[in-house]
Amino acid sequence: MSINNELFIKRCREYFEDDCSEFLNQLEKPCTQAFFLNTKKADKEKIFDLIDFEYESSPLTDQSFYHECENIGKTRAYELGLIYPQEIAASLSSLYIDKDNIETVVDLCAAPGGKTINALNRLDEDVLCVSNDVNHNRALTLSSNLERLGLDNVIITSKKSEDLADQLEGFADLVILDAPCSGEGMIRKYPQILDEYSLGNIEQLSKIQTKLLNEAYRILNEGGQLLYSTCTYAFEEDERQVSDFLSKHTDMKLMKIDMRSSSKLPGTVKLSPLNNTEGQFIALMKKDGIKKDISLKYLKPVKEKLVDEFINENLDLKEYYLYKNNDHFYLSLRPLPDLKYSTLKYGIYAGEIINRRFEPNHNLYRANSLIGNYRYVYELDSREYDAFISGNEFKADLDNHYYLLAYKGMALGFGKCVNKTVKNKYPKGLRRMI
């Protein structure tokens, strides 16, 4: 790829100074591809045992790896939710979070989900996360990605940032804002970004970022952390954005990240192809004060005989909360706040009642927190795995029940055994086409 956009080249000289020529040379090389490990589902050794393609470690983190797999989405490690494809620099942001005393997380612009997933991988199991994207279709993609990785302590919303701030003011110990930006750092992957590249676009986006940062500040509890990131190099969207925010909010302090990079604001990080990554800017800030108790209205659990009977027959749970939203039933192992409209999912989507019968959902059999509680589990062999992932049924000497179907101890989905035949319940949209 040859870069001939004069405005972009001029600004790159400001961004990278003496390293500009080398940076432009690096832009002519293919973009990097990487993934990180979902250690909430399994430990590293177990995940590595199930990766059947070549990968290479990164000097920047021990959780992310380079790869050149042509179709990583069709590998077993991906299908089992053990890995998440994300560029190395983008996966670094949550590495610097102070994990102590984080009980609540809000990700304001979360789709497709990488920042939420990466943060939850590093935090305690009982953290409650609200993951939001204003675009409904993107929020659905977000929900699907979280489901695949089995992360079930998440409420998915699709709200405007100001509406979410009104509902959750002072709620979060950690707010993640991966802001919409001009995307200069993704040019190797999306060269068409340069077709609409302009100072006007950068200025417009910087105004959106300022607004989002102010909403993030409202959501942040005292003593909480604000993780701000972009995939651009523009000063207006990165260093100046953070400096202006800190000047306006004097109770916010920069938590300095000790990493050599191209950033002009000490304590923040700006990575690029010079670091064998794509572009990413990261700033971590903390609010003064001592954490306050926040009073929220909680959802009222429901009782539904058909659903409760299914749960009690198939799962060994001492306590759970059942919620209903738009005729869909959700299960949680903890009480959840009521976020009212534009909420797509409360915790684990359990299923729905169809023709006076409860039909469980795939999400119920992927949730990490439930895996050890299923009464009926069947371990697939390699042949059965391939048949199931492709949408086929298979024969098995089993009694008539719903079964969690696992492969080498990892949950894949579920099937219903009828007369020694396991009926396939794997979602059609996820099936592997052969």
Protein backbone atom coordinates (compact mmCIF):
# COMPACT_ATOMS: atom_id res chain seq x y z
CA MET A 1 0.00 0.00 0.00
CA SER A 2 1.46 3.32 -1.08
CA ILE A 3 0.51 6.37 1.02
CA ASN A 4 0.08 9.52 -1.06
CA ASN A 5 -2.32 11.54 1.09
CA GLU A 6 -0.32 14.75 1.66
CA LEU A 7 -2.31 15.85 4.71
CA PHE A 8 -1.81 12.51 6.42
CA ILE A 9 1.91 12.46 5.63
CA LYS A 10 2.29 16.00 6.95
CA ARG A 11 0.62 15.06 10.23
CA CYS A 12 2.66 11.86 10.51
CA ARG A 13 5.80 14.01 10.54
CA GLU A 14 4.34 15.73 13.62
CA TYR A 15 3.30 12.47 15.23
CA PHE A 16 6.51 10.49 14.70
CA GLU A 17 9.14 13.15 13.91
CA ASP A 18 12.48 11.43 13.10
CA ASP A 19 10.74 8.04 12.89
CA CYS A 20 8.25 9.19 10.27
CA SER A 21 10.04 7.62 7.27
CA GLU A 22 10.25 4.27 9.02
CA PHE A 23 6.59 4.55 10.05
CA LEU A 24 5.53 5.18 6.44
CA ASN A 25 7.64 2.21 5.32
CA GLN A 26 5.89 0.02 7.90
CA LEU A 27 2.50 1.08 6.52
CA GLU A 28 3.37 -0.70 3.27
CA LYS A 29 3.52 -4.03 5.10
CA PRO A 30 0.43 -6.17 5.86
CA CYS A 31 -1.44 -5.46 9.08
CA THR A 32 -0.73 -7.68 12.05
CA GLN A 33 -3.19 -10.33 13.23
CA ALA A 34 -3.42 -11.51 16.80
CA PHE A 35 -5.60 -13.07 19.48
CA PHE A 36 -5.71 -13.12 23.25
CA LEU A 37 -6.52 -15.96 25.64
CA ASN A 38 -9.84 -16.26 27.45
CA THR A 39 -8.43 -17.33 30.80
CA LYS A 40 -11.87 -17.08 32.41
CA LYS A 41 -12.76 -20.31 30.61
CA ALA A 42 -9.52 -22.27 31.00
CA ASP A 43 -5.90 -21.87 32.04
CA LYS A 44 -3.18 -21.15 29.51
CA GLU A 45 -1.94 -24.72 29.24
CA LYS A 46 -5.41 -26.05 28.47
CA ILE A 47 -5.98 -23.37 25.84
CA PHE A 48 -2.62 -24.02 24.18
CA ASP A 49 -3.48 -27.74 23.98
CA LEU A 50 -6.55 -26.86 21.91
CA ILE A 51 -4.90 -24.39 19.51
CA ASP A 52 -4.15 -26.21 16.27
CA PHE A 53 -2.49 -23.40 14.30
CA GLU A 54 0.84 -21.63 14.56
CA TYR A 55 1.23 -18.55 16.74
CA GLU A 56 4.02 -16.34 18.02
CA SER A 57 4.39 -14.57 21.36
CA SER A 58 4.48 -10.80 21.74
CA PRO A 59 7.09 -8.94 23.83
CA LEU A 60 4.37 -6.53 24.97
CA THR A 61 2.12 -9.01 26.80
CA ASP A 62 1.99 -12.69 27.75
CA GLN A 63 -1.76 -12.93 27.02
CA SER A 64 -1.74 -12.03 23.30
CA PHE A 65 -0.17 -13.76 20.32
CA TYR A 66 0.47 -13.07 16.66
CA HIS A 67 -0.91 -15.51 14.10
CA GLU A 68 -1.32 -15.91 10.36
CA CYS A 69 -4.26 -18.31 10.42
CA GLU A 70 -6.43 -17.59 7.38
CA ASN A 71 -9.71 -18.41 9.09
CA ILE A 72 -9.29 -18.29 12.85
CA GLY A 73 -13.07 -18.21 13.28
CA LYS A 74 -13.29 -21.83 12.09
CA THR A 75 -10.80 -23.22 14.59
CA ARG A 76 -11.85 -25.23 17.63
CA ALA A 77 -10.13 -22.82 20.01
CA TYR A 78 -12.33 -20.04 18.62
CA GLU A 79 -15.53 -22.09 18.54
CA LEU A 80 -15.01 -23.14 22.16
CA GLY A 81 -14.54 -19.53 23.23
CA LEU A 82 -10.93 -19.97 24.31
CA ILE A 83 -9.52 -17.12 22.22
CA TYR A 84 -10.65 -13.73 20.96
CA PRO A 85 -9.13 -12.19 17.81
CA GLN A 86 -7.86 -8.72 18.64
CA GLU A 87 -4.82 -6.76 17.57
CA ILE A 88 -1.99 -6.73 20.13
CA ALA A 89 -2.03 -3.00 20.96
CA ALA A 90 -5.81 -2.97 21.42
CA SER A 91 -5.57 -5.84 23.90
CA LEU A 92 -3.07 -3.98 26.09
CA SER A 93 -5.41 -1.34 27.52
CA SER A 94 -6.76 -3.30 30.49
CA LEU A 95 -3.27 -4.55 31.35
CA TYR A 96 -2.65 -1.37 33.36
CA ILE A 97 -5.86 -1.32 35.41
CA ASP A 98 -5.48 -1.42 39.18
CA LYS A 99 -7.61 -4.52 39.81
CA ASP A 100 -8.20 -3.91 43.53
CA ASN A 101 -11.71 -2.89 44.63
CA ILE A 102 -13.29 -3.08 41.18
CA GLU A 103 -16.81 -4.47 41.55
CA THR A 104 -18.65 -2.60 38.79
CA VAL A 105 -17.62 -1.86 35.20
CA VAL A 106 -19.27 0.17 32.44
CA ASP A 107 -18.02 -0.05 28.85
CA LEU A 108 -19.60 2.89 27.03
CA CYS A 109 -18.78 2.06 23.38
CA ALA A 110 -18.24 -1.66 23.71
CA ALA A 111 -18.94 -3.36 20.36
CA PRO A 112 -17.64 -5.70 19.12
CA GLY A 113 -16.59 -6.58 22.66
CA GLY A 114 -12.81 -6.92 22.84
CA LYS A 115 -12.25 -4.26 25.50
CA THR A 116 -15.05 -5.66 27.72
CA ILE A 117 -13.79 -9.22 27.33
CA ASN A 118 -10.17 -8.29 27.98
CA ALA A 119 -11.03 -6.32 31.11
CA LEU A 120 -13.25 -9.07 32.54
CA ASN A 121 -10.47 -11.58 31.90
CA ARG A 122 -8.25 -9.61 34.27
CA LEU A 123 -10.83 -8.87 36.98
CA ASP A 124 -12.47 -10.99 39.68
CA GLU A 125 -15.29 -13.40 38.83
CA ASP A 126 -17.98 -11.46 40.70
CA VAL A 127 -17.55 -8.16 38.84
CA LEU A 128 -20.79 -6.80 37.36
CA CYS A 129 -20.39 -5.20 33.93
CA VAL A 130 -22.74 -3.04 31.88
CA SER A 131 -21.58 -3.23 28.27
CA ASN A 132 -23.19 -0.68 25.96
CA ASP A 133 -23.25 0.30 22.31
CA VAL A 134 -25.64 2.90 20.95
CA ASN A 135 -25.92 1.05 17.63
CA HIS A 136 -28.43 -1.78 18.07
CA ASN A 137 -26.90 -4.12 15.47
CA ARG A 138 -23.44 -3.62 16.92
CA ALA A 139 -24.84 -4.31 20.38
CA LEU A 140 -26.18 -7.63 19.09
CA THR A 141 -22.70 -8.51 17.81
CA LEU A 142 -21.32 -7.54 21.21
CA SER A 143 -23.79 -9.85 22.92
CA SER A 144 -22.90 -12.74 20.61
CA ASN A 145 -19.16 -12.36 21.25
CA LEU A 146 -19.62 -12.27 25.02
CA GLU A 147 -21.83 -15.34 24.80
CA ARG A 148 -19.22 -17.29 22.83
CA LEU A 149 -16.61 -16.62 25.52
CA GLY A 150 -19.05 -17.57 28.28
CA LEU A 151 -18.94 -14.21 30.08
CA ASP A 152 -22.30 -14.05 31.81
CA ASN A 153 -21.97 -11.34 34.46
CA VAL A 154 -22.82 -8.70 31.88
CA ILE A 155 -25.86 -6.56 31.11
CA ILE A 156 -25.99 -5.60 27.41
CA THR A 157 -27.56 -2.23 26.60
CA SER A 158 -27.98 -0.09 23.51
CA LYS A 159 -28.40 3.42 24.88
CA LYS A 160 -27.17 6.93 24.25
CA SER A 161 -24.27 7.72 26.56
CA GLU A 162 -26.16 10.55 28.26
CA ASP A 163 -29.10 8.25 29.02
CA LEU A 164 -26.80 5.63 30.51
CA ALA A 165 -25.08 8.32 32.58
CA ASP A 166 -28.45 9.49 33.89
CA GLN A 167 -29.22 5.95 35.07
CA LEU A 168 -25.78 5.00 36.36
CA GLU A 169 -24.38 8.24 37.75
CA GLY A 170 -21.57 7.42 40.19
CA PHE A 171 -22.06 3.66 39.63
CA ALA A 172 -18.82 2.32 38.16
CA ASP A 173 -15.45 1.53 39.69
CA LEU A 174 -14.12 1.29 36.15
CA VAL A 175 -15.38 3.03 33.01
CA ILE A 176 -13.98 1.92 29.65
CA LEU A 177 -14.25 4.39 26.79
CA ASP A 178 -12.83 3.10 23.52
CA ALA A 179 -13.97 6.18 21.66
CA PRO A 180 -15.08 6.49 18.04
CA CYS A 181 -12.17 8.10 16.23
CA SER A 182 -10.64 8.97 12.87
CA GLY A 183 -8.99 5.54 12.70
CA GLU A 184 -5.51 6.53 11.54
CA GLY A 185 -4.13 3.54 13.39
CA MET A 186 -6.16 1.12 11.30
CA ILE A 187 -5.06 2.29 7.86
CA ARG A 188 -3.12 -0.89 7.09
CA LYS A 189 -6.30 -2.89 7.66
CA TYR A 190 -8.72 -0.35 6.17
CA PRO A 191 -6.90 1.79 3.55
CA GLN A 192 -10.24 3.41 2.62
CA ILE A 193 -9.98 5.48 5.81
CA LEU A 194 -7.77 7.88 3.83
CA ASP A 195 -10.56 8.49 1.30
CA GLU A 196 -12.48 10.56 3.88
CA TYR A 197 -9.49 11.84 5.83
CA SER A 198 -9.78 15.50 6.77
CA LEU A 199 -9.15 17.95 9.60
CA GLY A 200 -12.89 18.61 9.69
CA ASN A 201 -13.59 14.96 10.43
CA ILE A 202 -10.95 14.91 13.16
CA GLU A 203 -12.43 18.03 14.74
CA GLN A 204 -15.95 16.61 14.63
CA LEU A 205 -14.83 13.36 16.24
CA SER A 206 -12.90 15.19 18.94
CA LYS A 207 -16.12 16.95 19.96
CA ILE A 208 -17.88 13.58 20.23
CA GLN A 209 -15.00 12.25 22.34
CA THR A 210 -15.19 15.25 24.67
CA LYS A 211 -18.89 14.62 25.20
CA LEU A 212 -18.33 10.89 25.82
CA LEU A 213 -15.55 11.59 28.31
CA ASN A 214 -17.85 13.89 30.25
CA GLU A 215 -20.52 11.17 30.34
CA ALA A 216 -17.89 8.65 31.45
CA TYR A 217 -16.92 11.01 34.28
CA ARG A 218 -20.54 11.15 35.45
CA ILE A 219 -20.74 7.34 35.59
CA LEU A 220 -17.49 7.01 37.54
CA ASN A 221 -17.64 6.45 41.29
CA GLU A 222 -15.21 8.31 43.53
CA GLY A 223 -11.89 6.51 43.58
CA GLY A 224 -12.78 4.89 40.25
CA GLN A 225 -10.66 4.47 37.12
CA LEU A 226 -11.35 5.74 33.60
CA LEU A 227 -9.69 3.89 30.73
CA TYR A 228 -9.66 6.00 27.55
CA SER A 229 -8.44 4.66 24.22
CA THR A 230 -8.58 5.34 20.50
CA CYS A 231 -7.10 3.75 17.39
CA THR A 232 -5.79 7.02 15.99
CA TYR A 233 -2.66 9.18 16.29
CA ALA A 234 -4.36 12.60 16.15
CA PHE A 235 -3.32 14.92 19.00
CA GLU A 236 -6.84 16.41 19.00
CA GLU A 237 -8.27 12.98 19.81
CA ASP A 238 -5.49 11.69 22.05
CA GLU A 239 -3.03 13.81 24.06
CA ARG A 240 -4.96 17.08 23.84
CA GLN A 241 -8.22 15.34 24.55
CA VAL A 242 -6.86 13.87 27.77
CA SER A 243 -5.07 17.08 28.80
CA ASP A 244 -8.23 19.15 28.28
CA PHE A 245 -10.30 16.61 30.22
CA LEU A 246 -7.87 16.66 33.16
CA SER A 247 -7.86 20.47 33.16
CA LYS A 248 -11.66 20.54 33.31
CA HIS A 249 -11.98 17.78 35.90
CA THR A 250 -9.33 18.61 38.49
CA ASP A 251 -10.33 15.64 40.65
CA MET A 252 -9.06 13.29 37.93
CA LYS A 253 -5.40 12.27 37.88
CA LEU A 254 -3.40 10.45 35.25
CA MET A 255 -2.25 6.98 36.31
CA LYS A 256 1.07 6.92 34.54
CA ILE A 257 1.86 3.95 32.34
CA ASP A 258 5.56 3.17 32.17
CA MET A 259 6.04 2.23 28.53
CA ARG A 260 8.18 3.86 25.90
CA SER A 261 6.01 4.98 22.99
CA SER A 262 5.31 7.81 20.55
CA SER A 263 2.92 9.65 22.86
CA LYS A 264 3.67 13.31 23.52
CA LEU A 265 1.86 13.17 26.89
CA PRO A 266 4.08 11.43 29.48
CA GLY A 267 2.31 8.58 31.23
CA THR A 268 0.11 7.71 28.24
CA VAL A 269 0.86 5.19 25.50
CA LYS A 270 0.71 5.51 21.73
CA LEU A 271 1.64 2.41 19.73
CA SER A 272 1.90 1.98 15.97
CA PRO A 273 3.46 -0.28 13.30
CA LEU A 274 6.78 0.96 14.71
CA ASN A 275 5.99 -1.37 17.64
CA ASN A 276 4.87 -4.21 15.33
CA THR A 277 1.24 -3.41 16.18
CA GLU A 278 -1.54 -1.36 14.69
CA GLY A 279 -2.28 2.09 16.11
CA GLN A 280 -3.60 2.54 19.65
CA PHE A 281 -3.60 5.36 22.20
CA ILE A 282 -4.18 4.49 25.87
CA ALA A 283 -4.69 6.74 28.90
CA LEU A 284 -5.69 5.56 32.37
CA MET A 285 -7.07 8.11 34.85
CA LYS A 286 -8.33 7.93 38.42
CA LYS A 287 -10.92 9.97 40.29
CA ASP A 288 -10.08 11.36 43.71
CA GLY A 289 -12.09 10.37 46.77
CA ILE A 290 -13.32 7.30 48.58
CA LYS A 291 -15.78 4.91 46.96
CA LYS A 292 -19.42 5.66 47.79
CA ASP A 293 -22.29 3.23 48.14
CA ILE A 294 -24.68 3.78 45.24
CA SER A 295 -28.38 3.01 45.58
CA LEU A 296 -29.95 1.54 42.45
CA LYS A 297 -33.36 0.10 41.74
CA TYR A 298 -33.02 -3.64 41.21
CA LEU A 299 -35.02 -5.90 38.94
CA LYS A 300 -37.80 -7.87 40.55
CA PRO A 301 -37.25 -11.62 40.04
CA VAL A 302 -40.10 -13.60 38.55
CA LYS A 303 -41.48 -17.07 39.19
CA GLU A 304 -42.31 -19.13 36.14
CA LYS A 305 -43.17 -22.78 36.73
CA LEU A 306 -42.00 -24.14 33.38
CA VAL A 307 -38.68 -22.33 33.56
CA ASP A 308 -38.03 -23.15 37.20
CA GLU A 309 -38.84 -26.81 36.59
CA PHE A 310 -36.34 -26.95 33.72
CA ILE A 311 -33.61 -25.26 35.75
CA ASN A 312 -34.14 -27.49 38.78
CA GLU A 313 -34.19 -30.62 36.66
CA ASN A 314 -31.06 -29.78 34.69
CA LEU A 315 -28.94 -27.67 37.03
CA ASP A 316 -27.78 -27.97 40.60
CA LEU A 317 -28.17 -24.38 41.81
CA LYS A 318 -28.74 -23.42 45.43
CA GLU A 319 -29.95 -19.94 44.49
CA TYR A 320 -30.61 -18.01 41.30
CA TYR A 321 -32.54 -15.01 40.05
CA LEU A 322 -34.94 -15.35 37.14
CA TYR A 323 -35.87 -12.26 35.14
CA LYS A 324 -38.25 -11.67 32.28
CA ASN A 325 -37.74 -9.10 29.54
CA ASN A 326 -39.91 -8.97 26.40
CA ASP A 327 -41.10 -12.57 26.89
CA HIS A 328 -37.53 -13.80 27.22
CA PHE A 329 -36.18 -15.28 30.43
CA TYR A 330 -32.78 -14.47 31.92
CA LEU A 331 -30.91 -16.14 34.72
CA SER A 332 -28.38 -14.60 37.07
CA LEU A 333 -26.56 -15.81 40.16
CA ARG A 334 -26.78 -12.31 41.63
CA PRO A 335 -29.40 -9.55 41.75
CA LEU A 336 -29.19 -7.15 38.80
CA PRO A 337 -30.06 -3.44 38.51
CA ASP A 338 -33.06 -2.40 36.45
CA LEU A 339 -31.82 -0.46 33.40
CA LYS A 340 -35.28 -0.36 31.81
CA TYR A 341 -35.53 0.48 28.11
CA SER A 342 -32.98 -0.51 25.43
CA THR A 343 -31.61 -3.38 27.48
CA LEU A 344 -30.84 -6.34 25.25
CA LYS A 345 -29.74 -8.89 27.82
CA TYR A 346 -29.68 -9.29 31.61
CA GLY A 347 -26.96 -11.80 32.46
CA ILE A 348 -27.57 -15.27 30.99
CA TYR A 349 -30.24 -15.60 28.33
CA ALA A 350 -32.00 -18.79 29.48
CA GLY A 351 -34.68 -19.17 26.80
CA GLU A 352 -38.38 -18.68 26.15
CA ILE A 353 -41.71 -20.46 26.45
CA ILE A 354 -43.04 -21.73 23.13
CA ASN A 355 -46.29 -23.69 22.87
CA ARG A 356 -46.43 -24.11 26.65
CA ARG A 357 -42.94 -25.62 26.73
CA PHE A 358 -39.71 -24.02 27.85
CA GLU A 359 -37.10 -23.91 25.09
CA PRO A 360 -33.58 -23.36 26.49
CA ASN A 361 -31.14 -21.09 24.68
CA HIS A 362 -27.56 -21.76 23.57
CA ASN A 363 -26.39 -19.02 25.96
CA LEU A 364 -27.54 -21.07 28.94
CA TYR A 365 -25.08 -23.82 28.01
CA ARG A 366 -22.14 -21.51 27.31
CA ALA A 367 -22.16 -19.49 30.55
CA ASN A 368 -18.92 -20.09 32.45
CA SER A 369 -20.53 -19.75 35.88
CA LEU A 370 -22.97 -22.62 35.21
CA ILE A 371 -20.73 -25.22 33.59
CA GLY A 372 -19.98 -27.13 36.79
CA ASN A 373 -23.65 -27.24 37.78
CA TYR A 374 -25.16 -29.28 34.93
CA ARG A 375 -26.60 -32.66 35.82
CA TYR A 376 -26.41 -34.10 32.30
CA VAL A 377 -23.11 -33.72 30.43
CA TYR A 378 -21.84 -35.59 27.41
CA GLU A 379 -18.24 -35.45 26.23
CA LEU A 380 -17.94 -35.31 22.45
CA ASP A 381 -15.22 -37.12 20.59
CA SER A 382 -13.58 -35.48 17.59
CA ARG A 383 -16.00 -37.03 15.09
CA GLU A 384 -19.04 -36.04 17.11
CA TYR A 385 -17.65 -32.53 17.54
CA ASP A 386 -17.36 -32.04 13.78
CA ALA A 387 -20.85 -33.44 13.23
CA PHE A 388 -22.39 -31.23 15.90
CA ILE A 389 -20.62 -28.00 14.90
CA SER A 390 -21.87 -28.58 11.35
CA GLY A 391 -25.49 -28.88 12.49
CA ASN A 392 -25.90 -32.63 12.37
CA GLU A 393 -27.43 -34.98 14.93
CA PHE A 394 -25.60 -38.07 16.12
CA LYS A 395 -26.29 -41.39 17.85
CA ALA A 396 -25.39 -41.89 21.53
CA ASP A 397 -26.35 -44.37 24.23
CA LEU A 398 -28.01 -41.77 26.47
CA ASP A 399 -31.27 -41.37 28.32
CA ASN A 400 -33.82 -38.81 27.14
CA HIS A 401 -32.59 -35.46 28.49
CA TYR A 402 -31.10 -32.16 27.45
CA TYR A 403 -27.30 -32.46 27.59
CA LEU A 404 -24.47 -30.01 27.91
CA LEU A 405 -22.13 -31.07 25.11
CA ALA A 406 -18.46 -30.58 25.88
CA TYR A 407 -15.20 -31.20 24.08
CA LYS A 408 -12.15 -31.93 26.24
CA GLY A 409 -14.00 -30.39 29.14
CA MET A 410 -14.95 -27.20 27.26
CA ALA A 411 -18.64 -26.38 26.74
CA LEU A 412 -19.68 -26.22 23.10
CA GLY A 413 -23.47 -26.12 23.31
CA PHE A 414 -26.35 -28.45 24.01
CA GLY A 415 -28.43 -31.13 22.41
CA LYS A 416 -31.61 -33.02 23.24
CA CYS A 417 -31.42 -36.79 23.28
CA VAL A 418 -34.53 -38.57 22.00
CA ASN A 419 -34.46 -42.35 21.54
CA LYS A 420 -30.63 -42.53 21.49
CA THR A 421 -30.31 -39.69 18.98
CA VAL A 422 -28.91 -36.32 20.06
CA LYS A 423 -30.88 -33.60 18.28
CA ASN A 424 -28.74 -30.64 17.29
CA LYS A 425 -29.50 -27.36 19.09
CA TYR A 426 -26.42 -25.47 17.93
CA PRO A 427 -27.48 -22.07 16.48
CA LYS A 428 -27.70 -22.13 12.69
CA GLY A 429 -25.80 -18.87 12.34
CA LEU A 430 -22.79 -20.35 14.14
CA ARG A 431 -22.60 -23.68 12.33
CA ARG A 432 -19.53 -24.55 10.34
CA MET A 433 -20.30 -24.93 6.66
CA ILE A 434 -18.44 -27.85 5.10
